[in-house]
PDB file of all heavy atoms in Angstrom:
ATOM      1  N   LEU A   1      60.804  -7.975  -2.845  1.00  0.00           N
ATOM      2  CA  LEU A   1      59.343  -8.257  -2.979  1.00  0.00           C
ATOM      3  C   LEU A   1      58.474  -7.087  -2.555  1.00  0.00           C
ATOM      4  O   LEU A   1      57.255  -7.129  -2.877  1.00  0.00           O
ATOM      5  CB  LEU A   1      58.976  -9.491  -2.167  1.00  0.00           C
ATOM      6  CG  LEU A   1      59.541 -10.865  -2.640  1.00  0.00           C
ATOM      7  CD1 LEU A   1      59.168 -11.930  -1.646  1.00  0.00           C
ATOM      8  CD2 LEU A   1      59.091 -11.180  -4.050  1.00  0.00           C
ATOM      9  N   GLY A   2      59.032  -6.154  -1.821  1.00  0.00           N
ATOM     10  CA  GLY A   2      58.205  -5.048  -1.378  1.00  0.00           C
ATOM     11  C   GLY A   2      57.954  -5.012   0.119  1.00  0.00           C
ATOM     12  O   GLY A   2      57.221  -4.129   0.590  1.00  0.00           O
ATOM     13  N   TYR A   3      58.541  -5.948   0.867  1.00  0.00           N
ATOM     14  CA  TYR A   3      58.261  -5.937   2.359  1.00  0.00           C
ATOM     15  C   TYR A   3      59.237  -4.969   3.058  1.00  0.00           C
ATOM     16  O   TYR A   3      60.377  -4.728   2.658  1.00  0.00           O
ATOM     17  CB  TYR A   3      58.543  -7.302   2.901  1.00  0.00           C
ATOM     18  CG  TYR A   3      57.515  -8.319   2.446  1.00  0.00           C
ATOM     19  CD1 TYR A   3      57.809  -9.269   1.424  1.00  0.00           C
ATOM     20  CD2 TYR A   3      56.226  -8.481   3.013  1.00  0.00           C
ATOM     21  CE1 TYR A   3      56.875 -10.139   1.001  1.00  0.00           C
ATOM     22  CE2 TYR A   3      55.325  -9.305   2.616  1.00  0.00           C
ATOM     23  CZ  TYR A   3      55.588 -10.193   1.585  1.00  0.00           C
ATOM     24  OH  TYR A   3      54.695 -11.075   1.119  1.00  0.00           O
ATOM     25  N   ALA A   4      58.706  -4.278   4.119  1.00  0.00           N
ATOM     26  CA  ALA A   4      59.503  -3.459   4.924  1.00  0.00           C
ATOM     27  C   ALA A   4      60.527  -4.210   5.668  1.00  0.00           C
ATOM     28  O   ALA A   4      60.288  -5.340   6.051  1.00  0.00           O
ATOM     29  CB  ALA A   4      58.626  -2.698   5.913  1.00  0.00           C
ATOM     30  N   THR A   5      61.739  -3.704   5.750  1.00  0.00           N
ATOM     31  CA  THR A   5      62.828  -4.464   6.399  1.00  0.00           C
ATOM     32  C   THR A   5      63.481  -3.595   7.430  1.00  0.00           C
ATOM     33  O   THR A   5      64.557  -3.933   7.928  1.00  0.00           O
ATOM     34  CB  THR A   5      63.899  -4.899   5.387  1.00  0.00           C
ATOM     35  OG1 THR A   5      64.324  -3.729   4.680  1.00  0.00           O
ATOM     36  CG2 THR A   5      63.287  -5.835   4.385  1.00  0.00           C
ATOM     37  N   ASP A   6      62.851  -2.581   8.000  1.00  0.00           N
ATOM     38  CA  ASP A   6      63.382  -1.773   9.078  1.00  0.00           C
ATOM     39  C   ASP A   6      63.300  -2.474  10.333  1.00  0.00           C
ATOM     40  O   ASP A   6      63.924  -2.219  11.403  1.00  0.00           O
ATOM     41  CB  ASP A   6      62.695  -0.418   9.191  1.00  0.00           C
ATOM     42  CG  ASP A   6      61.161  -0.516   9.265  1.00  0.00           C
ATOM     43  OD1 ASP A   6      60.609  -1.475   8.711  1.00  0.00           O
ATOM     44  OD2 ASP A   6      60.488   0.365   9.850  1.00  0.00           O
ATOM     45  N   GLU A   7      62.415  -3.559  10.424  1.00  0.00           N
ATOM     46  CA  GLU A   7      62.317  -4.538  11.502  1.00  0.00           C
ATOM     47  C   GLU A   7      62.253  -5.941  10.809  1.00  0.00           C
ATOM     48  O   GLU A   7      61.850  -6.037   9.722  1.00  0.00           O
ATOM     49  CB  GLU A   7      61.149  -4.217  12.431  1.00  0.00           C
ATOM     50  CG  GLU A   7      59.817  -4.233  11.728  1.00  0.00           C
ATOM     51  CD  GLU A   7      58.606  -4.169  12.737  1.00  0.00           C
ATOM     52  OE1 GLU A   7      58.810  -4.556  13.909  1.00  0.00           O
ATOM     53  OE2 GLU A   7      57.568  -3.804  12.300  1.00  0.00           O
ATOM     54  N   ARG A   8      62.456  -6.955  11.612  1.00  0.00           N
ATOM     55  CA  ARG A   8      62.423  -8.279  11.011  1.00  0.00           C
ATOM     56  C   ARG A   8      61.031  -8.904  10.902  1.00  0.00           C
ATOM     57  O   ARG A   8      60.883  -9.890  10.085  1.00  0.00           O
ATOM     58  CB  ARG A   8      63.325  -9.268  11.781  1.00  0.00           C
ATOM     59  CG  ARG A   8      62.749  -9.764  13.088  1.00  0.00           C
ATOM     60  CD  ARG A   8      63.774 -10.648  13.786  1.00  0.00           C
ATOM     61  NE  ARG A   8      63.272 -11.276  15.065  1.00  0.00           N
ATOM     62  CZ  ARG A   8      62.836 -12.530  15.115  1.00  0.00           C
ATOM     63  NH1 ARG A   8      62.699 -13.234  13.970  1.00  0.00           N
ATOM     64  NH2 ARG A   8      62.418 -12.971  16.253  1.00  0.00           N
ATOM     65  N   TRP A   9      60.008  -8.375  11.504  1.00  0.00           N
ATOM     66  CA  TRP A   9      58.795  -9.066  11.575  1.00  0.00           C
ATOM     67  C   TRP A   9      58.003  -9.193  10.240  1.00  0.00           C
ATOM     68  O   TRP A   9      57.458 -10.243   9.931  1.00  0.00           O
ATOM     69  CB  TRP A   9      57.861  -8.420  12.640  1.00  0.00           C
ATOM     70  CG  TRP A   9      58.475  -8.610  14.053  1.00  0.00           C
ATOM     71  CD1 TRP A   9      58.890  -7.626  14.856  1.00  0.00           C
ATOM     72  CD2 TRP A   9      58.679  -9.857  14.677  1.00  0.00           C
ATOM     73  NE1 TRP A   9      59.336  -8.135  16.063  1.00  0.00           N
ATOM     74  CE2 TRP A   9      59.202  -9.485  15.985  1.00  0.00           C
ATOM     75  CE3 TRP A   9      58.379 -11.153  14.440  1.00  0.00           C
ATOM     76  CZ2 TRP A   9      59.517 -10.516  16.929  1.00  0.00           C
ATOM     77  CZ3 TRP A   9      58.759 -12.115  15.323  1.00  0.00           C
ATOM     78  CH2 TRP A   9      59.307 -11.784  16.577  1.00  0.00           C
ATOM     79  N   PRO A  10      57.956  -8.129   9.447  1.00  0.00           N
ATOM     80  CA  PRO A  10      57.166  -8.334   8.164  1.00  0.00           C
ATOM     81  C   PRO A  10      57.648  -9.483   7.323  1.00  0.00           C
ATOM     82  O   PRO A  10      56.868 -10.314   6.810  1.00  0.00           O
ATOM     83  CB  PRO A  10      57.349  -6.972   7.421  1.00  0.00           C
ATOM     84  CG  PRO A  10      57.569  -5.977   8.523  1.00  0.00           C
ATOM     85  CD  PRO A  10      58.329  -6.677   9.545  1.00  0.00           C
ATOM     86  N   SER A  11      59.013  -9.579   7.193  1.00  0.00           N
ATOM     87  CA  SER A  11      59.537 -10.780   6.427  1.00  0.00           C
ATOM     88  C   SER A  11      59.425 -12.072   7.155  1.00  0.00           C
ATOM     89  O   SER A  11      59.164 -13.143   6.527  1.00  0.00           O
ATOM     90  CB  SER A  11      61.007 -10.494   6.009  1.00  0.00           C
ATOM     91  OG  SER A  11      61.839 -10.328   7.134  1.00  0.00           O
ATOM     92  N   TYR A  12      59.520 -12.021   8.508  1.00  0.00           N
ATOM     93  CA  TYR A  12      59.336 -13.191   9.245  1.00  0.00           C
ATOM     94  C   TYR A  12      57.954 -13.825   9.033  1.00  0.00           C
ATOM     95  O   TYR A  12      57.901 -15.071   8.807  1.00  0.00           O
ATOM     96  CB  TYR A  12      59.557 -12.916  10.828  1.00  0.00           C
ATOM     97  CG  TYR A  12      59.129 -13.982  11.732  1.00  0.00           C
ATOM     98  CD1 TYR A  12      60.031 -14.996  12.101  1.00  0.00           C
ATOM     99  CD2 TYR A  12      57.819 -14.026  12.267  1.00  0.00           C
ATOM    100  CE1 TYR A  12      59.657 -16.022  12.948  1.00  0.00           C
ATOM    101  CE2 TYR A  12      57.434 -15.060  13.091  1.00  0.00           C
ATOM    102  CZ  TYR A  12      58.342 -16.030  13.463  1.00  0.00           C
ATOM    103  OH  TYR A  12      57.927 -16.987  14.365  1.00  0.00           O
ATOM    104  N   PHE A  13      56.980 -13.023   9.212  1.00  0.00           N
ATOM    105  CA  PHE A  13      55.633 -13.555   8.952  1.00  0.00           C
ATOM    106  C   PHE A  13      55.364 -14.026   7.589  1.00  0.00           C
ATOM    107  O   PHE A  13      54.802 -15.139   7.348  1.00  0.00           O
ATOM    108  CB  PHE A  13      54.557 -12.491   9.323  1.00  0.00           C
ATOM    109  CG  PHE A  13      54.350 -12.257  10.770  1.00  0.00           C
ATOM    110  CD1 PHE A  13      54.929 -11.280  11.487  1.00  0.00           C
ATOM    111  CD2 PHE A  13      53.580 -13.243  11.529  1.00  0.00           C
ATOM    112  CE1 PHE A  13      54.730 -11.129  12.872  1.00  0.00           C
ATOM    113  CE2 PHE A  13      53.377 -13.084  12.851  1.00  0.00           C
ATOM    114  CZ  PHE A  13      53.950 -12.048  13.548  1.00  0.00           C
ATOM    115  N   ALA A  14      55.857 -13.398   6.589  1.00  0.00           N
ATOM    116  CA  ALA A  14      55.667 -13.726   5.174  1.00  0.00           C
ATOM    117  C   ALA A  14      56.424 -15.047   4.931  1.00  0.00           C
ATOM    118  O   ALA A  14      55.854 -16.002   4.424  1.00  0.00           O
ATOM    119  CB  ALA A  14      56.169 -12.645   4.199  1.00  0.00           C
ATOM    120  N   TYR A  15      57.683 -15.152   5.310  1.00  0.00           N
ATOM    121  CA  TYR A  15      58.510 -16.325   5.040  1.00  0.00           C
ATOM    122  C   TYR A  15      57.877 -17.516   5.767  1.00  0.00           C
ATOM    123  O   TYR A  15      57.811 -18.668   5.225  1.00  0.00           O
ATOM    124  CB  TYR A  15      59.907 -16.087   5.449  1.00  0.00           C
ATOM    125  CG  TYR A  15      60.780 -15.322   4.546  1.00  0.00           C
ATOM    126  CD1 TYR A  15      61.739 -14.384   5.045  1.00  0.00           C
ATOM    127  CD2 TYR A  15      60.697 -15.441   3.148  1.00  0.00           C
ATOM    128  CE1 TYR A  15      62.570 -13.633   4.186  1.00  0.00           C
ATOM    129  CE2 TYR A  15      61.472 -14.716   2.321  1.00  0.00           C
ATOM    130  CZ  TYR A  15      62.433 -13.780   2.801  1.00  0.00           C
ATOM    131  OH  TYR A  15      63.221 -13.081   1.993  1.00  0.00           O
ATOM    132  N   ARG A  16      57.567 -17.390   7.015  1.00  0.00           N
ATOM    133  CA  ARG A  16      57.113 -18.536   7.818  1.00  0.00           C
ATOM    134  C   ARG A  16      55.696 -19.020   7.497  1.00  0.00           C
ATOM    135  O   ARG A  16      55.461 -20.205   7.472  1.00  0.00           O
ATOM    136  CB  ARG A  16      57.208 -18.237   9.309  1.00  0.00           C
ATOM    137  CG  ARG A  16      57.029 -19.454  10.201  1.00  0.00           C
ATOM    138  CD  ARG A  16      57.232 -19.157  11.636  1.00  0.00           C
ATOM    139  NE  ARG A  16      57.008 -20.336  12.484  1.00  0.00           N
ATOM    140  CZ  ARG A  16      56.549 -20.327  13.671  1.00  0.00           C
ATOM    141  NH1 ARG A  16      56.349 -19.161  14.317  1.00  0.00           N
ATOM    142  NH2 ARG A  16      56.274 -21.472  14.292  1.00  0.00           N
ATOM    143  N   ALA A  17      54.860 -18.060   7.111  1.00  0.00           N
ATOM    144  CA  ALA A  17      53.484 -18.430   6.806  1.00  0.00           C
ATOM    145  C   ALA A  17      53.255 -18.837   5.350  1.00  0.00           C
ATOM    146  O   ALA A  17      52.218 -19.417   5.054  1.00  0.00           O
ATOM    147  CB  ALA A  17      52.510 -17.255   7.135  1.00  0.00           C
ATOM    148  N   ALA A  18      54.164 -18.544   4.494  1.00  0.00           N
ATOM    149  CA  ALA A  18      54.006 -18.781   3.039  1.00  0.00           C
ATOM    150  C   ALA A  18      53.602 -20.224   2.671  1.00  0.00           C
ATOM    151  O   ALA A  18      52.733 -20.423   1.805  1.00  0.00           O
ATOM    152  CB  ALA A  18      55.222 -18.284   2.205  1.00  0.00           C
ATOM    153  N   PRO A  19      54.184 -21.251   3.339  1.00  0.00           N
ATOM    154  CA  PRO A  19      53.775 -22.590   3.045  1.00  0.00           C
ATOM    155  C   PRO A  19      52.313 -22.876   3.219  1.00  0.00           C
ATOM    156  O   PRO A  19      51.766 -23.836   2.652  1.00  0.00           O
ATOM    157  CB  PRO A  19      54.693 -23.458   3.911  1.00  0.00           C
ATOM    158  CG  PRO A  19      55.841 -22.658   4.216  1.00  0.00           C
ATOM    159  CD  PRO A  19      55.282 -21.304   4.310  1.00  0.00           C
ATOM    160  N   LEU A  20      51.626 -22.056   4.015  1.00  0.00           N
ATOM    161  CA  LEU A  20      50.253 -22.242   4.287  1.00  0.00           C
ATOM    162  C   LEU A  20      49.328 -21.695   3.210  1.00  0.00           C
ATOM    163  O   LEU A  20      48.076 -22.006   3.186  1.00  0.00           O
ATOM    164  CB  LEU A  20      49.851 -21.592   5.626  1.00  0.00           C
ATOM    165  CG  LEU A  20      50.537 -22.140   6.853  1.00  0.00           C
ATOM    166  CD1 LEU A  20      50.408 -21.132   8.054  1.00  0.00           C
ATOM    167  CD2 LEU A  20      49.983 -23.495   7.302  1.00  0.00           C
ATOM    168  N   GLY A  21      49.852 -20.928   2.309  1.00  0.00           N
ATOM    169  CA  GLY A  21      49.090 -20.238   1.330  1.00  0.00           C
ATOM    170  C   GLY A  21      48.629 -18.850   1.897  1.00  0.00           C
ATOM    171  O   GLY A  21      49.101 -18.383   2.886  1.00  0.00           O
ATOM    172  N   PRO A  22      47.727 -18.219   1.146  1.00  0.00           N
ATOM    173  CA  PRO A  22      47.329 -16.787   1.422  1.00  0.00           C
ATOM    174  C   PRO A  22      46.417 -16.725   2.711  1.00  0.00           C
ATOM    175  O   PRO A  22      45.318 -16.235   2.619  1.00  0.00           O
ATOM    176  CB  PRO A  22      46.622 -16.301   0.195  1.00  0.00           C
ATOM    177  CG  PRO A  22      45.995 -17.547  -0.309  1.00  0.00           C
ATOM    178  CD  PRO A  22      46.979 -18.645  -0.043  1.00  0.00           C
ATOM    179  N   VAL A  23      46.852 -17.173   3.874  1.00  0.00           N
ATOM    180  CA  VAL A  23      46.061 -17.256   5.147  1.00  0.00           C
ATOM    181  C   VAL A  23      46.024 -15.811   5.749  1.00  0.00           C
ATOM    182  O   VAL A  23      46.932 -15.049   5.581  1.00  0.00           O
ATOM    183  CB  VAL A  23      46.660 -18.223   6.062  1.00  0.00           C
ATOM    184  CG1 VAL A  23      46.519 -19.702   5.483  1.00  0.00           C
ATOM    185  CG2 VAL A  23      48.100 -17.996   6.453  1.00  0.00           C
ATOM    186  N   GLY A  24      44.994 -15.602   6.524  1.00  0.00           N
ATOM    187  CA  GLY A  24      44.798 -14.354   7.143  1.00  0.00           C
ATOM    188  C   GLY A  24      45.326 -14.317   8.588  1.00  0.00           C
ATOM    189  O   GLY A  24      45.807 -15.379   9.148  1.00  0.00           O
ATOM    190  N   PRO A  25      45.301 -13.154   9.279  1.00  0.00           N
ATOM    191  CA  PRO A  25      45.904 -12.969  10.594  1.00  0.00           C
ATOM    192  C   PRO A  25      45.375 -13.956  11.638  1.00  0.00           C
ATOM    193  O   PRO A  25      46.066 -14.414  12.508  1.00  0.00           O
ATOM    194  CB  PRO A  25      45.577 -11.585  10.942  1.00  0.00           C
ATOM    195  CG  PRO A  25      45.396 -10.908   9.649  1.00  0.00           C
ATOM    196  CD  PRO A  25      44.800 -11.915   8.700  1.00  0.00           C
ATOM    197  N   ARG A  26      44.039 -14.292  11.532  1.00  0.00           N
ATOM    198  CA  ARG A  26      43.446 -15.122  12.628  1.00  0.00           C
ATOM    199  C   ARG A  26      44.105 -16.536  12.667  1.00  0.00           C
ATOM    200  O   ARG A  26      44.398 -17.027  13.717  1.00  0.00           O
ATOM    201  CB  ARG A  26      41.945 -15.213  12.434  1.00  0.00           C
ATOM    202  CG  ARG A  26      41.298 -15.896  13.591  1.00  0.00           C
ATOM    203  CD  ARG A  26      39.766 -15.635  13.581  1.00  0.00           C
ATOM    204  NE  ARG A  26      39.132 -16.233  14.727  1.00  0.00           N
ATOM    205  CZ  ARG A  26      37.813 -16.040  15.051  1.00  0.00           C
ATOM    206  NH1 ARG A  26      37.025 -15.238  14.225  1.00  0.00           N
ATOM    207  NH2 ARG A  26      37.323 -16.583  16.147  1.00  0.00           N
ATOM    208  N   LEU A  27      44.334 -17.078  11.431  1.00  0.00           N
ATOM    209  CA  LEU A  27      44.928 -18.455  11.464  1.00  0.00           C
ATOM    210  C   LEU A  27      46.357 -18.311  11.779  1.00  0.00           C
ATOM    211  O   LEU A  27      46.954 -19.208  12.594  1.00  0.00           O
ATOM    212  CB  LEU A  27      44.731 -19.028  10.043  1.00  0.00           C
ATOM    213  CG  LEU A  27      45.376 -20.454   9.863  1.00  0.00           C
ATOM    214  CD1 LEU A  27      44.832 -21.432  10.930  1.00  0.00           C
ATOM    215  CD2 LEU A  27      45.135 -20.992   8.433  1.00  0.00           C
ATOM    216  N   VAL A  28      47.124 -17.333  11.344  1.00  0.00           N
ATOM    217  CA  VAL A  28      48.538 -17.195  11.636  1.00  0.00           C
ATOM    218  C   VAL A  28      48.650 -16.986  13.183  1.00  0.00           C
ATOM    219  O   VAL A  28      49.485 -17.528  13.831  1.00  0.00           O
ATOM    220  CB  VAL A  28      49.086 -16.022  10.904  1.00  0.00           C
ATOM    221  CG1 VAL A  28      50.525 -15.654  11.381  1.00  0.00           C
ATOM    222  CG2 VAL A  28      49.087 -16.281   9.369  1.00  0.00           C
ATOM    223  N   ASN A  29      47.796 -16.172  13.732  1.00  0.00           N
ATOM    224  CA  ASN A  29      47.830 -15.950  15.197  1.00  0.00           C
ATOM    225  C   ASN A  29      47.660 -17.243  15.874  1.00  0.00           C
ATOM    226  O   ASN A  29      48.327 -17.532  16.918  1.00  0.00           O
ATOM    227  CB  ASN A  29      46.761 -14.933  15.613  1.00  0.00           C
ATOM    228  CG  ASN A  29      46.911 -14.550  17.005  1.00  0.00           C
ATOM    229  OD1 ASN A  29      47.892 -13.939  17.434  1.00  0.00           O
ATOM    230  ND2 ASN A  29      45.846 -14.837  17.769  1.00  0.00           N
ATOM    231  N   ALA A  30      46.720 -18.104  15.572  1.00  0.00           N
ATOM    232  CA  ALA A  30      46.438 -19.394  16.145  1.00  0.00           C
ATOM    233  C   ALA A  30      47.658 -20.297  16.054  1.00  0.00           C
ATOM    234  O   ALA A  30      48.005 -20.969  17.073  1.00  0.00           O
ATOM    235  CB  ALA A  30      45.252 -20.043  15.557  1.00  0.00           C
ATOM    236  N   LEU A  31      48.290 -20.295  14.971  1.00  0.00           N
ATOM    237  CA  LEU A  31      49.403 -21.286  14.725  1.00  0.00           C
ATOM    238  C   LEU A  31      50.735 -20.841  15.302  1.00  0.00           C
ATOM    239  O   LEU A  31      51.488 -21.586  15.819  1.00  0.00           O
ATOM    240  CB  LEU A  31      49.597 -21.577  13.277  1.00  0.00           C
ATOM    241  CG  LEU A  31      48.327 -22.204  12.499  1.00  0.00           C
ATOM    242  CD1 LEU A  31      48.683 -22.396  11.084  1.00  0.00           C
ATOM    243  CD2 LEU A  31      47.961 -23.476  13.194  1.00  0.00           C
ATOM    244  N   PHE A  32      50.964 -19.477  15.232  1.00  0.00           N
ATOM    245  CA  PHE A  32      52.256 -18.974  15.777  1.00  0.00           C
ATOM    246  C   PHE A  32      52.102 -18.777  17.306  1.00  0.00           C
ATOM    247  O   PHE A  32      53.209 -18.761  17.963  1.00  0.00           O
ATOM    248  CB  PHE A  32      52.614 -17.637  15.160  1.00  0.00           C
ATOM    249  CG  PHE A  32      53.013 -17.705  13.661  1.00  0.00           C
ATOM    250  CD1 PHE A  32      52.800 -18.880  12.897  1.00  0.00           C
ATOM    251  CD2 PHE A  32      53.715 -16.738  13.063  1.00  0.00           C
ATOM    252  CE1 PHE A  32      53.207 -18.906  11.561  1.00  0.00           C
ATOM    253  CE2 PHE A  32      54.082 -16.745  11.740  1.00  0.00           C
ATOM    254  CZ  PHE A  32      53.853 -17.915  11.017  1.00  0.00           C
ATOM    255  N   TYR A  33      50.958 -18.658  17.809  1.00  0.00           N
ATOM    256  CA  TYR A  33      50.650 -18.750  19.229  1.00  0.00           C
ATOM    257  C   TYR A  33      51.120 -17.663  20.129  1.00  0.00           C
ATOM    258  O   TYR A  33      50.288 -16.973  20.733  1.00  0.00           O
ATOM    259  CB  TYR A  33      51.058 -20.138  19.776  1.00  0.00           C
ATOM    260  CG  TYR A  33      50.303 -20.555  21.033  1.00  0.00           C
ATOM    261  CD1 TYR A  33      49.035 -20.915  20.941  1.00  0.00           C
ATOM    262  CD2 TYR A  33      50.944 -20.629  22.276  1.00  0.00           C
ATOM    263  CE1 TYR A  33      48.302 -21.337  22.119  1.00  0.00           C
ATOM    264  CE2 TYR A  33      50.293 -21.001  23.386  1.00  0.00           C
ATOM    265  CZ  TYR A  33      48.958 -21.329  23.345  1.00  0.00           C
ATOM    266  OH  TYR A  33      48.232 -21.727  24.428  1.00  0.00           O
ATOM    267  N   SER A  34      52.445 -17.441  20.305  1.00  0.00           N
ATOM    268  CA  SER A  34      52.845 -16.593  21.325  1.00  0.00           C
ATOM    269  C   SER A  34      53.192 -15.131  20.934  1.00  0.00           C
ATOM    270  O   SER A  34      53.601 -14.313  21.749  1.00  0.00           O
ATOM    271  CB  SER A  34      54.151 -17.114  21.967  1.00  0.00           C
ATOM    272  OG  SER A  34      55.211 -17.145  21.033  1.00  0.00           O
TER     273      SER A  34
END
């Protein structure tokens, strides 16, 4: 898809947040919390 995979985080955020739709960092930050 074009995501960087030298670390796990880019795909982690995309895969986990995708059900929410095209949400921005502020909402993701609130929901993922830690």
